N, C-alpha and C. Protein backbone atom coordinates (compact mmCIF):
# COMPACT_ATOMS: atom_id res chain seq x y z
N MET A 1 105.42 66.49 96.63
CA MET A 1 105.72 65.70 95.52
C MET A 1 107.20 65.77 95.46
N ASP A 2 107.95 64.79 95.34
CA ASP A 2 109.25 64.75 95.10
C ASP A 2 110.10 65.14 93.70
N ASP A 3 109.21 64.77 92.76
CA ASP A 3 109.71 64.94 91.68
C ASP A 3 108.94 65.95 91.07
N ALA A 4 109.68 66.90 89.84
CA ALA A 4 109.09 67.95 89.02
C ALA A 4 107.74 67.19 88.53
N PRO A 5 106.64 67.95 88.32
CA PRO A 5 105.49 67.53 87.65
C PRO A 5 105.51 67.36 86.30
N ASP A 6 104.79 66.69 85.84
CA ASP A 6 104.94 66.47 84.28
C ASP A 6 103.74 67.34 84.11
N ASP A 7 103.63 67.53 82.60
CA ASP A 7 102.71 68.35 81.67
C ASP A 7 101.21 68.18 82.37
N SER A 8 100.76 66.84 82.78
CA SER A 8 99.55 66.53 83.28
C SER A 8 99.47 66.85 84.71
N GLN A 9 100.26 67.15 85.43
CA GLN A 9 100.23 67.69 87.02
C GLN A 9 100.46 69.09 87.42
N TRP A 10 100.82 69.54 86.58
CA TRP A 10 101.05 71.16 86.99
C TRP A 10 99.79 71.98 87.43
N ARG A 11 98.86 71.94 87.01
CA ARG A 11 97.78 72.71 87.47
C ARG A 11 97.44 72.23 88.98
N HIS A 12 97.46 70.92 89.16
CA HIS A 12 97.13 70.28 90.41
C HIS A 12 98.42 71.11 91.33
N TRP A 13 99.62 70.83 91.16
CA TRP A 13 100.89 71.29 91.74
C TRP A 13 100.79 72.74 92.03
N PHE A 14 100.05 73.66 91.09
CA PHE A 14 100.01 74.94 90.98
C PHE A 14 98.90 75.39 91.93
N ARG A 15 97.67 74.67 92.05
CA ARG A 15 96.87 74.95 92.94
C ARG A 15 97.10 74.74 94.58
N THR A 16 98.28 73.55 94.74
CA THR A 16 98.36 73.05 96.04
C THR A 16 99.49 74.28 96.45
N TYR A 17 100.53 74.77 95.79
CA TYR A 17 101.59 75.60 96.15
C TYR A 17 101.63 77.12 95.74
N GLY A 18 100.56 77.36 94.67
CA GLY A 18 100.21 78.79 94.37
C GLY A 18 100.08 79.83 95.27
N GLY A 19 99.29 79.53 96.63
CA GLY A 19 99.17 80.37 97.41
C GLY A 19 100.60 80.93 98.23
N ARG A 20 101.52 79.83 98.45
CA ARG A 20 102.27 80.20 99.15
C ARG A 20 103.44 81.18 98.32
N LEU A 21 103.35 80.62 96.89
CA LEU A 21 104.26 81.80 95.97
C LEU A 21 103.66 83.38 96.06
N LEU A 22 102.35 83.24 96.07
CA LEU A 22 101.67 84.47 95.86
C LEU A 22 102.16 85.23 97.24
N LEU A 23 102.03 84.53 98.40
CA LEU A 23 102.73 85.40 99.68
C LEU A 23 103.86 85.52 99.66
N ALA A 24 104.80 85.14 98.87
CA ALA A 24 106.31 85.27 98.77
C ALA A 24 106.32 86.38 97.89
N ALA A 25 105.64 86.54 96.84
CA ALA A 25 105.61 87.58 95.77
C ALA A 25 105.13 88.77 96.58
N ARG A 26 104.16 88.78 97.65
CA ARG A 26 103.69 89.91 98.10
C ARG A 26 104.64 90.71 98.78
N GLN A 27 105.88 90.10 99.25
CA GLN A 27 106.72 90.60 100.19
C GLN A 27 107.80 91.63 99.32
N TRP A 28 107.40 91.16 97.91
CA TRP A 28 108.42 92.40 96.93
C TRP A 28 107.82 93.33 96.18
N SER A 29 106.45 93.19 96.41
CA SER A 29 105.35 93.93 95.30
C SER A 29 104.69 94.97 96.05
N ARG A 30 104.11 95.66 95.11
CA ARG A 30 103.36 97.01 95.53
C ARG A 30 102.09 96.53 95.67
N SER A 31 101.48 95.82 94.88
CA SER A 31 100.00 95.29 94.89
C SER A 31 99.86 93.90 94.81
N GLU A 32 98.68 93.39 95.04
CA GLU A 32 98.29 92.17 94.65
C GLU A 32 98.31 91.73 93.33
N ALA A 33 97.89 92.71 92.47
CA ALA A 33 98.04 92.57 91.03
C ALA A 33 99.56 92.21 90.54
N ASP A 34 100.63 92.99 90.99
CA ASP A 34 101.71 93.12 90.77
C ASP A 34 102.27 91.65 91.06
N ALA A 35 101.91 91.18 92.42
CA ALA A 35 102.16 89.92 93.01
C ALA A 35 101.80 88.67 91.96
N GLU A 36 100.48 88.76 91.34
CA GLU A 36 99.96 87.62 90.66
C GLU A 36 100.86 87.77 89.34
N ASP A 37 101.18 88.73 88.99
CA ASP A 37 102.00 89.28 87.91
C ASP A 37 103.48 88.49 88.01
N ILE A 38 104.08 88.78 89.14
CA ILE A 38 105.45 88.04 89.48
C ILE A 38 105.39 86.52 89.45
N VAL A 39 104.41 85.99 90.17
CA VAL A 39 104.17 84.46 90.19
C VAL A 39 103.99 83.87 88.74
N GLN A 40 103.40 84.65 88.06
CA GLN A 40 103.03 83.97 86.54
C GLN A 40 104.38 83.83 86.06
N ASP A 41 104.84 85.46 86.05
CA ASP A 41 106.02 85.08 85.34
C ASP A 41 107.38 84.40 85.72
N ALA A 42 107.62 84.12 87.33
CA ALA A 42 107.92 83.16 87.70
C ALA A 42 107.77 81.75 87.26
N PHE A 43 106.61 81.42 87.25
CA PHE A 43 106.27 80.08 86.91
C PHE A 43 106.44 79.55 85.34
N VAL A 44 106.24 80.76 84.50
CA VAL A 44 106.71 80.68 83.01
C VAL A 44 108.41 80.33 83.12
N ARG A 45 108.82 80.99 83.58
CA ARG A 45 110.49 80.81 83.74
C ARG A 45 110.72 79.44 84.11
N TYR A 46 110.03 78.84 85.11
CA TYR A 46 110.12 77.74 85.92
C TYR A 46 109.93 76.68 84.74
N TRP A 47 108.63 76.75 84.18
CA TRP A 47 108.27 75.98 83.20
C TRP A 47 109.04 75.66 82.12
N ARG A 48 109.49 76.75 81.68
CA ARG A 48 110.57 76.92 80.29
C ARG A 48 111.74 76.30 80.62
N HIS A 49 112.30 76.46 81.90
CA HIS A 49 113.60 76.08 81.76
C HIS A 49 114.17 75.03 83.16
N GLN A 50 113.24 74.84 83.87
CA GLN A 50 113.74 74.17 85.13
C GLN A 50 112.63 73.01 85.84
N ARG A 51 111.49 72.89 84.90
CA ARG A 51 110.48 71.97 85.45
C ARG A 51 111.13 70.45 85.02
N HIS A 52 112.03 70.32 84.48
CA HIS A 52 112.54 68.80 84.26
C HIS A 52 113.64 68.57 85.10
N LEU A 53 113.80 69.25 86.21
CA LEU A 53 115.13 69.33 86.83
C LEU A 53 114.53 68.25 88.15
N PRO A 54 115.10 67.41 88.73
CA PRO A 54 114.95 66.39 89.82
C PRO A 54 114.44 67.06 91.04
N GLY A 55 113.80 66.63 91.77
CA GLY A 55 113.60 67.40 93.36
C GLY A 55 112.24 67.88 93.43
N ASP A 56 112.26 68.53 94.62
CA ASP A 56 110.84 69.68 95.02
C ASP A 56 110.95 70.75 94.06
N PRO A 57 110.05 71.03 93.26
CA PRO A 57 110.03 72.39 92.60
C PRO A 57 109.81 73.63 93.16
N LEU A 58 109.36 73.32 94.72
CA LEU A 58 109.13 74.51 95.54
C LEU A 58 110.06 75.58 95.63
N PRO A 59 111.33 74.79 96.19
CA PRO A 59 112.38 75.72 96.41
C PRO A 59 112.75 76.70 95.14
N LEU A 60 112.76 75.78 93.92
CA LEU A 60 113.09 76.73 92.81
C LEU A 60 112.22 77.55 92.35
N MET A 61 110.96 77.23 92.60
CA MET A 61 109.69 78.31 92.32
C MET A 61 109.99 79.47 93.31
N LEU A 62 110.22 79.53 94.68
CA LEU A 62 110.63 80.37 95.42
C LEU A 62 111.54 81.22 94.98
N VAL A 63 112.61 80.70 94.62
CA VAL A 63 113.82 81.49 94.12
C VAL A 63 113.43 82.31 92.82
N SER A 64 112.75 81.66 91.86
CA SER A 64 112.08 81.98 90.67
C SER A 64 111.08 83.45 91.06
N VAL A 65 110.18 83.31 92.10
CA VAL A 65 109.69 84.32 92.48
C VAL A 65 110.35 85.55 93.03
N ARG A 66 111.29 85.31 93.62
CA ARG A 66 112.16 86.51 94.15
C ARG A 66 113.06 87.19 93.04
N ARG A 67 113.54 86.15 92.10
CA ARG A 67 114.06 86.84 90.84
C ARG A 67 113.24 87.82 90.09
N ALA A 68 111.75 87.26 89.91
CA ALA A 68 111.07 87.77 88.75
C ALA A 68 110.61 89.36 89.64
N ALA A 69 110.55 89.12 90.82
CA ALA A 69 110.10 90.32 91.79
C ALA A 69 111.12 91.43 91.59
N LEU A 70 112.56 91.00 91.85
CA LEU A 70 113.57 91.95 91.55
C LEU A 70 113.66 92.36 90.29
N ASP A 71 113.44 91.66 89.47
CA ASP A 71 113.52 92.02 87.92
C ASP A 71 112.75 93.24 87.72
N ARG A 72 111.21 93.00 88.13
CA ARG A 72 110.24 94.11 88.16
C ARG A 72 110.65 95.20 88.90
N ILE A 73 111.05 95.07 90.11
CA ILE A 73 111.69 96.30 90.85
C ILE A 73 112.69 96.96 90.06
N ARG A 74 113.52 96.44 89.45
CA ARG A 74 114.72 97.00 88.87
C ARG A 74 113.78 97.61 87.43
N GLY A 75 113.06 96.98 86.82
CA GLY A 75 112.62 97.44 85.49
C GLY A 75 111.75 98.79 85.96
N ASP A 76 111.02 98.72 87.12
CA ASP A 76 109.98 99.86 87.65
C ASP A 76 110.95 101.07 87.99
N ASP A 77 112.21 100.67 88.43
CA ASP A 77 113.17 101.72 88.76
C ASP A 77 113.55 102.39 87.67
N ARG A 78 113.93 101.56 86.66
CA ARG A 78 114.55 102.28 85.20
C ARG A 78 113.53 102.75 84.62
N ARG A 79 112.54 102.38 84.57
CA ARG A 79 111.31 102.91 83.82
C ARG A 79 111.01 104.42 84.45
N GLY A 80 111.01 104.59 85.99
CA GLY A 80 111.05 105.62 86.68
C GLY A 80 111.89 106.76 86.41
N GLN A 81 113.05 106.22 86.12
CA GLN A 81 114.42 107.03 85.90
C GLN A 81 114.02 107.70 84.40
N ARG A 82 113.79 106.85 83.44
CA ARG A 82 113.50 107.14 82.12
C ARG A 82 112.59 108.17 82.03
N GLU A 83 111.15 108.05 82.78
CA GLU A 83 109.97 108.96 82.80
C GLU A 83 110.40 110.10 83.41
N THR A 84 111.19 110.22 84.42
CA THR A 84 111.58 111.25 84.93
C THR A 84 112.46 112.14 84.06
N ALA A 85 113.57 111.45 83.38
CA ALA A 85 114.45 112.27 82.47
C ALA A 85 113.39 112.78 81.39
N HIS A 86 112.73 111.98 80.98
CA HIS A 86 111.77 112.38 79.73
C HIS A 86 111.01 113.75 80.05
N ALA A 87 110.38 113.50 81.22
CA ALA A 87 109.39 114.79 81.92
C ALA A 87 110.40 115.98 82.07
N ALA A 88 111.61 115.84 82.17
CA ALA A 88 112.73 116.84 82.66
C ALA A 88 113.05 117.75 81.25
N ASP A 89 112.96 117.04 80.41
CA ASP A 89 113.29 117.17 78.75
C ASP A 89 112.12 117.80 78.06
N GLN A 90 110.98 117.48 78.60
CA GLN A 90 109.53 117.77 77.99
C GLN A 90 109.15 119.02 78.47
N SER A 91 108.64 120.05 77.53
CA SER A 91 107.93 121.23 78.10
C SER A 91 106.32 120.90 77.91
N VAL A 92 105.80 120.46 78.80
CA VAL A 92 104.44 120.48 78.85
C VAL A 92 103.34 121.58 79.28
N ASP A 93 102.73 121.96 78.41
CA ASP A 93 101.79 123.02 78.57
C ASP A 93 100.45 122.46 79.20
N TRP A 94 100.54 122.57 80.94
CA TRP A 94 99.44 122.06 81.48
C TRP A 94 98.42 122.93 81.44
N PHE A 95 98.54 124.04 81.02
CA PHE A 95 97.28 125.31 81.09
C PHE A 95 97.55 125.81 79.47
N ASP A 96 96.47 126.39 79.11
CA ASP A 96 96.24 126.92 77.84
C ASP A 96 97.05 128.37 77.99
N PRO A 97 97.97 128.31 77.17
CA PRO A 97 98.90 129.87 77.16
C PRO A 97 98.07 130.81 77.01
N GLY A 98 96.72 130.90 76.41
CA GLY A 98 96.02 131.84 76.16
C GLY A 98 95.09 132.24 77.18
N VAL A 99 95.10 131.53 78.43
CA VAL A 99 94.41 131.68 79.62
C VAL A 99 95.18 132.50 80.65
N GLY A 100 94.75 133.50 80.89
CA GLY A 100 95.54 134.39 81.96
C GLY A 100 96.86 134.96 81.40
N SER A 101 97.37 136.05 81.85
CA SER A 101 98.48 136.92 81.10
C SER A 101 99.54 136.47 82.32
N ASP A 102 99.67 136.17 83.37
CA ASP A 102 100.66 135.71 83.98
C ASP A 102 101.45 134.44 83.53
N ASP A 103 102.40 134.64 82.76
CA ASP A 103 103.12 133.46 82.33
C ASP A 103 103.82 132.86 83.43
N GLU A 104 104.42 133.82 84.11
CA GLU A 104 105.31 133.04 85.36
C GLU A 104 104.61 132.53 86.38
N ARG A 105 103.30 132.82 86.85
CA ARG A 105 102.78 132.01 87.64
C ARG A 105 102.24 130.75 86.96
N ARG A 106 101.82 130.79 85.70
CA ARG A 106 101.31 129.58 85.17
C ARG A 106 102.64 128.47 85.40
N ARG A 107 103.90 128.87 84.91
CA ARG A 107 105.01 128.18 84.70
C ARG A 107 105.47 127.72 86.28
N ARG A 108 105.20 128.40 87.26
CA ARG A 108 105.64 127.90 88.66
C ARG A 108 104.50 126.81 88.92
N LEU A 109 103.05 126.83 88.70
CA LEU A 109 102.08 126.09 88.95
C LEU A 109 102.32 124.91 88.11
N GLU A 110 102.85 124.83 86.96
CA GLU A 110 103.13 123.83 86.15
C GLU A 110 104.31 123.18 86.81
N SER A 111 105.09 123.70 87.24
CA SER A 111 106.45 123.10 88.25
C SER A 111 106.21 122.77 89.20
N ALA A 112 105.00 123.18 89.88
CA ALA A 112 104.68 122.81 91.16
C ALA A 112 103.90 121.34 91.15
N VAL A 113 103.22 121.21 89.99
CA VAL A 113 102.21 119.98 89.87
C VAL A 113 103.07 118.91 89.40
N VAL A 114 104.30 119.29 88.64
CA VAL A 114 105.21 117.96 88.04
C VAL A 114 105.97 117.55 89.56
N GLU A 115 106.12 118.49 90.34
CA GLU A 115 106.78 117.92 91.62
C GLU A 115 106.11 117.30 92.62
N LEU A 116 104.66 117.20 92.11
CA LEU A 116 103.70 116.59 93.59
C LEU A 116 104.05 115.10 93.32
N PRO A 117 103.98 114.18 94.44
CA PRO A 117 104.29 112.75 94.33
C PRO A 117 103.21 112.19 93.20
N ALA A 118 103.75 111.27 92.52
CA ALA A 118 102.91 110.77 91.41
C ALA A 118 101.67 110.30 91.64
N GLU A 119 101.32 109.70 93.17
CA GLU A 119 99.81 109.36 93.35
C GLU A 119 99.07 110.53 93.43
N GLN A 120 99.47 111.55 93.99
CA GLN A 120 98.88 112.68 94.25
C GLN A 120 98.51 113.50 92.96
N ARG A 121 99.75 113.37 92.23
CA ARG A 121 99.54 114.33 90.74
C ARG A 121 98.43 113.44 89.91
N GLU A 122 98.35 112.18 89.91
CA GLU A 122 97.68 111.22 89.03
C GLU A 122 96.38 111.66 89.39
N VAL A 123 95.73 111.73 90.67
CA VAL A 123 94.37 112.01 90.97
C VAL A 123 94.00 113.64 90.85
N LEU A 124 95.05 114.29 90.84
CA LEU A 124 94.85 115.69 90.57
C LEU A 124 94.53 116.16 89.17
N VAL A 125 95.01 115.31 88.24
CA VAL A 125 95.07 115.24 86.88
C VAL A 125 93.73 114.65 86.47
N LEU A 126 93.50 113.37 87.08
CA LEU A 126 92.34 112.88 86.77
C LEU A 126 90.89 114.02 87.25
N LYS A 127 91.09 114.70 88.30
CA LYS A 127 89.92 115.24 88.86
C LYS A 127 89.72 116.76 88.16
N VAL A 128 90.97 117.48 87.87
CA VAL A 128 90.89 118.66 87.35
C VAL A 128 90.62 118.51 86.03
N TRP A 129 91.64 117.75 85.08
CA TRP A 129 91.76 118.12 83.72
C TRP A 129 90.66 116.75 83.28
N GLY A 130 90.74 115.72 83.92
CA GLY A 130 89.57 114.99 83.55
C GLY A 130 87.98 114.84 83.81
N GLU A 131 87.96 115.77 85.04
CA GLU A 131 86.68 116.14 85.66
C GLU A 131 85.98 115.10 85.77
N LEU A 132 86.58 114.03 86.34
CA LEU A 132 86.04 112.84 87.00
C LEU A 132 85.58 113.00 88.43
N THR A 133 84.72 112.54 88.76
CA THR A 133 84.44 112.63 90.31
C THR A 133 85.46 111.49 91.19
N PHE A 134 85.20 111.83 92.51
CA PHE A 134 86.21 111.16 93.60
C PHE A 134 85.78 109.59 93.02
N ALA A 135 84.59 109.18 93.16
CA ALA A 135 84.00 107.74 92.95
C ALA A 135 84.58 107.32 91.68
N GLU A 136 84.58 108.10 90.42
CA GLU A 136 84.86 107.53 89.21
C GLU A 136 86.67 107.47 89.18
N ILE A 137 87.21 108.37 89.89
CA ILE A 137 88.72 108.05 89.96
C ILE A 137 89.15 106.89 90.87
N ALA A 138 88.33 106.82 92.10
CA ALA A 138 88.58 105.55 92.69
C ALA A 138 88.33 104.18 92.06
N ASP A 139 87.37 104.23 91.37
CA ASP A 139 86.90 103.06 90.37
C ASP A 139 88.08 102.74 89.53
N GLN A 140 88.72 103.80 88.84
CA GLN A 140 89.77 103.64 87.69
C GLN A 140 91.03 103.14 88.24
N LEU A 141 91.20 103.93 89.37
CA LEU A 141 92.66 103.29 90.27
C LEU A 141 92.48 102.03 91.39
N ALA A 142 91.40 101.76 91.29
CA ALA A 142 91.14 100.55 92.30
C ALA A 142 91.39 101.11 93.66
N LEU A 143 91.05 102.09 93.95
CA LEU A 143 91.61 102.77 95.46
C LEU A 143 89.78 103.22 96.00
N SER A 144 90.05 103.32 97.36
CA SER A 144 88.69 103.75 98.15
C SER A 144 88.70 105.18 97.74
N PRO A 145 87.39 105.65 97.45
CA PRO A 145 86.93 107.31 97.44
C PRO A 145 87.81 108.17 98.56
N ASN A 146 87.63 107.44 99.60
CA ASN A 146 88.32 108.50 100.98
C ASN A 146 89.89 108.61 100.59
N THR A 147 90.25 107.28 99.95
CA THR A 147 91.87 107.61 99.75
C THR A 147 92.18 108.77 98.60
N VAL A 148 91.37 108.60 97.29
CA VAL A 148 91.35 109.52 96.27
C VAL A 148 91.30 110.81 96.95
N ALA A 149 89.94 111.14 97.84
CA ALA A 149 89.96 112.54 98.28
C ALA A 149 90.99 113.07 99.00
N SER A 150 91.86 111.92 99.78
CA SER A 150 93.00 112.46 100.53
C SER A 150 94.17 112.90 99.80
N ARG A 151 94.06 112.26 98.61
CA ARG A 151 95.35 112.69 97.82
C ARG A 151 95.13 113.74 97.05
N TYR A 152 93.86 114.03 96.48
CA TYR A 152 93.68 115.39 96.08
C TYR A 152 93.94 116.58 97.04
N ARG A 153 93.30 116.20 98.39
CA ARG A 153 93.60 117.31 99.39
C ARG A 153 95.18 117.57 99.39
N TYR A 154 95.65 116.27 99.54
CA TYR A 154 97.22 116.59 99.68
C TYR A 154 97.95 117.23 98.58
N ALA A 155 97.42 117.09 97.30
CA ALA A 155 98.05 117.74 96.23
C ALA A 155 97.67 119.03 96.12
N LEU A 156 96.47 119.58 96.65
CA LEU A 156 96.30 120.89 96.57
C LEU A 156 97.02 121.55 97.90
N THR A 157 97.07 120.81 99.02
CA THR A 157 98.18 121.37 100.06
C THR A 157 99.63 121.71 99.51
N GLY A 158 99.89 120.68 98.79
CA GLY A 158 101.46 120.65 98.31
C GLY A 158 101.54 121.68 97.14
N LEU A 159 100.72 122.20 96.35
CA LEU A 159 100.68 123.27 95.56
C LEU A 159 100.75 124.44 96.17
N ARG A 160 99.73 124.65 97.13
CA ARG A 160 99.44 125.95 97.86
C ARG A 160 100.97 126.25 98.57
N ARG A 161 101.64 125.07 99.09
CA ARG A 161 102.82 125.32 99.59
C ARG A 161 103.87 125.73 98.59
N SER A 162 103.76 124.95 97.82
CA SER A 162 105.10 125.20 96.70
C SER A 162 104.96 126.67 96.22
N LEU A 163 103.67 127.32 96.17
CA LEU A 163 103.46 128.52 95.40
C LEU A 163 103.61 129.49 96.38
N ALA A 164 103.46 129.34 97.84
CA ALA A 164 103.39 130.13 98.76
C ALA A 164 105.08 130.20 99.07
N VAL A 165 105.94 129.31 98.66
CA VAL A 165 107.35 129.28 99.05
C VAL A 165 107.96 130.15 97.88
N VAL A 166 107.59 129.93 96.81
CA VAL A 166 108.11 130.86 95.52
C VAL A 166 107.64 132.12 95.84
N ASP A 167 106.35 132.54 95.92
CA ASP A 167 105.97 133.83 96.34
C ASP A 167 106.92 134.52 97.37
N CYS A 168 107.11 133.52 98.30
CA CYS A 168 107.92 134.29 99.53
C CYS A 168 109.22 134.46 99.07
N HIS A 169 109.94 133.93 98.29
CA HIS A 169 111.32 133.80 97.84
C HIS A 169 111.16 134.64 96.37
N GLY A 170 110.19 134.59 95.84
CA GLY A 170 110.70 135.18 94.45
C GLY A 170 109.63 136.35 94.32
């Protein structure tokens, strides 16, 4: 198509080129769902601001996909920084303060949980506090049960390691 599609042609154009746009988006995204969102964002931008430009729309769409992906990455990074800063400011009681008399050990365990990688912490929280099975967690996170079980094992290993280091030095 040499000229930008009009309103009646966009569905056909998107069916023709959507796969290419999705492949491009996958280069900058963490998941298939993120890539689909990126393509949708890019297409909306294109449709609102560039669809009337002359010439082949594919190069403009590919640039729009790249920009949408980079915007998403920057947004995710900013959100992560805000969440990290917020978590540092918050005093979260992971455990019932009335349970056990060792407040120092509880504080160290809470600190070790917060320091786990997000993927491991998420599985740990769903398993321990949510009391979900590996299959239920896998279903909720769209992961395989084996991946969930591995993340749980890694989380427990990380907690043991963190607490052992503290015990050796403290």
